[in-house]
């Protein structure tokens, strides 16, 4: 019997702590269920080698190399998160609860969430997860 390529876990992810974030414009906390697509356990050495190589690269090259390895299905990718994301981005606090779906390359595809102002959002992104293609906002009452 072969193992399923899908894994799920309940997680709390904190990057970085508020004390570590002092002087930075960003910090985040995630609480919820994360679903990851694993490529299998047959190429573990190759996967670890890719991760080690990524860490050695400058930040601007890491994203490009990570995308290439995911397009070749060499590494696992996060596919969905159901839960709460909160933190600080661009010196502005956020607290979003929803479903955050990524494509097979681990790029943001669809986000359906309620923000800290209790406003619902529905967003669809381009295949690289960089451009917002469609956004539905409900006017405040």
Protein backbone atom coordinates (compact mmCIF):
# COMPACT_ATOMS: atom_id res chain seq x y z
CA UNK A 1 0.00 0.00 0.00
CA UNK A 2 1.42 3.39 -0.96
CA UNK A 3 1.30 6.46 1.23
CA UNK A 4 -1.01 9.31 0.29
CA UNK A 5 0.68 12.35 -1.25
CA UNK A 6 -1.63 14.56 0.86
CA UNK A 7 -0.91 15.45 4.44
CA UNK A 8 -2.74 17.68 6.84
CA UNK A 9 -1.90 19.14 10.19
CA UNK A 10 -3.24 21.54 12.72
CA UNK A 11 -0.60 24.16 13.27
CA UNK A 12 0.33 27.33 14.93
CA UNK A 13 3.01 29.23 13.05
CA UNK A 14 4.61 32.30 14.54
CA UNK A 15 7.12 34.39 12.54
CA UNK A 16 8.74 36.35 14.20
CA UNK A 17 7.73 37.01 17.78
CA UNK A 18 6.59 40.56 18.65
CA UNK A 19 9.90 41.19 20.44
CA UNK A 20 11.87 40.02 17.38
CA UNK A 21 9.61 42.10 15.13
CA UNK A 22 10.45 45.38 16.85
CA UNK A 23 11.73 47.75 14.20
CA UNK A 24 10.33 45.59 11.40
CA UNK A 25 7.23 46.31 9.35
CA UNK A 26 5.97 42.70 9.42
CA UNK A 27 5.13 39.82 11.74
CA UNK A 28 2.54 37.05 11.50
CA UNK A 29 0.77 34.29 13.40
CA UNK A 30 -1.26 31.49 11.82
CA UNK A 31 -3.60 29.16 13.73
CA UNK A 32 -5.53 26.50 11.84
CA UNK A 33 -5.50 23.48 9.56
CA UNK A 34 -2.88 23.31 6.82
CA UNK A 35 -3.02 20.86 3.90
CA UNK A 36 0.20 20.07 2.08
CA UNK A 37 0.77 18.05 -1.08
CA UNK A 38 3.85 15.89 -0.66
CA UNK A 39 5.73 14.59 -3.70
CA UNK A 40 6.38 11.27 -1.97
CA UNK A 41 9.10 9.80 0.17
CA UNK A 42 11.25 8.34 -2.60
CA UNK A 43 13.36 11.46 -3.24
CA UNK A 44 13.98 12.71 0.30
CA UNK A 45 17.71 13.29 -0.27
CA UNK A 46 17.01 15.32 -3.41
CA UNK A 47 14.35 17.37 -1.61
CA UNK A 48 16.69 18.11 1.31
CA UNK A 49 19.39 19.11 -1.16
CA UNK A 50 17.01 21.57 -2.84
CA UNK A 51 16.05 23.10 0.52
CA UNK A 52 19.73 23.39 1.51
CA UNK A 53 20.55 25.04 -1.81
CA UNK A 54 17.65 27.50 -1.40
CA UNK A 55 18.98 28.64 1.98
CA UNK A 56 22.32 29.54 0.40
CA UNK A 57 20.76 31.80 -2.24
CA UNK A 58 20.01 35.52 -1.88
CA UNK A 59 16.38 36.24 -0.96
CA UNK A 60 15.48 37.52 -4.44
CA UNK A 61 16.64 34.25 -6.06
CA UNK A 62 15.03 31.94 -3.51
CA UNK A 63 11.49 32.60 -4.77
CA UNK A 64 12.48 31.87 -8.39
CA UNK A 65 14.31 28.64 -7.48
CA UNK A 66 11.46 27.51 -5.20
CA UNK A 67 8.98 28.03 -8.07
CA UNK A 68 11.14 26.03 -10.49
CA UNK A 69 11.43 23.10 -8.08
CA UNK A 70 7.65 23.10 -7.50
CA UNK A 71 6.93 23.26 -11.25
CA UNK A 72 9.14 20.18 -11.67
CA UNK A 73 7.30 18.54 -8.72
CA UNK A 74 10.55 18.12 -6.81
CA UNK A 75 9.25 19.52 -3.48
CA UNK A 76 6.13 19.53 -1.35
CA UNK A 77 3.80 22.51 -1.51
CA UNK A 78 1.26 24.02 0.86
CA UNK A 79 -2.11 23.80 -0.89
CA UNK A 80 -4.69 25.11 1.59
CA UNK A 81 -4.96 26.78 4.96
CA UNK A 82 -8.19 27.03 6.96
CA UNK A 83 -7.89 29.25 9.98
CA UNK A 84 -6.77 32.61 11.34
CA UNK A 85 -3.92 34.74 10.03
CA UNK A 86 -3.01 37.79 12.08
CA UNK A 87 -0.09 40.09 12.47
CA UNK A 88 1.39 43.30 11.14
CA UNK A 89 2.07 44.08 7.48
CA UNK A 90 3.41 47.44 6.33
CA UNK A 91 2.97 48.71 9.92
CA UNK A 92 -0.79 47.91 9.76
CA UNK A 93 -2.35 45.17 11.94
CA UNK A 94 -4.52 42.50 10.31
CA UNK A 95 -6.66 39.63 11.63
CA UNK A 96 -8.14 37.51 8.83
CA UNK A 97 -10.17 34.29 9.25
CA UNK A 98 -10.92 32.17 6.22
CA UNK A 99 -9.92 29.69 3.55
CA UNK A 100 -6.65 30.38 1.74
CA UNK A 101 -6.11 28.16 -1.34
CA UNK A 102 -2.85 27.83 -3.26
CA UNK A 103 -2.17 26.27 -6.65
CA UNK A 104 0.09 23.26 -7.22
CA UNK A 105 3.12 25.58 -7.23
CA UNK A 106 2.31 26.81 -3.71
CA UNK A 107 1.22 30.22 -5.02
CA UNK A 108 -1.82 32.10 -3.73
CA UNK A 109 -4.83 31.28 -5.94
CA UNK A 110 -8.04 32.05 -4.00
CA UNK A 111 -8.68 33.72 -0.66
CA UNK A 112 -12.09 33.81 1.01
CA UNK A 113 -11.88 35.51 4.41
CA UNK A 114 -13.36 37.94 6.91
CA UNK A 115 -11.04 40.75 8.06
CA UNK A 116 -10.69 42.35 11.51
CA UNK A 117 -13.36 44.92 10.56
CA UNK A 118 -15.83 42.01 10.03
CA UNK A 119 -15.84 42.63 6.26
CA UNK A 120 -15.92 39.59 3.92
CA UNK A 121 -13.43 39.34 1.03
CA UNK A 122 -13.24 37.08 -2.03
CA UNK A 123 -10.02 37.33 -4.07
CA UNK A 124 -8.66 35.45 -7.11
CA UNK A 125 -4.99 35.74 -8.15
CA UNK A 126 -2.94 35.07 -11.28
CA UNK A 127 -1.06 31.72 -11.61
CA UNK A 128 2.06 33.19 -9.96
CA UNK A 129 0.01 34.52 -7.03
CA UNK A 130 1.24 38.07 -7.53
CA UNK A 131 -1.55 39.92 -9.33
CA UNK A 132 -5.04 40.24 -7.91
CA UNK A 133 -7.33 39.41 -10.87
CA UNK A 134 -10.72 39.65 -9.16
CA UNK A 135 -11.84 41.07 -5.84
CA UNK A 136 -15.34 41.19 -4.44
CA UNK A 137 -15.95 43.55 -1.56
CA UNK A 138 -19.29 44.08 0.12
CA UNK A 139 -19.97 47.71 0.96
CA UNK A 140 -20.13 48.64 4.62
CA UNK A 141 -23.61 49.00 6.02
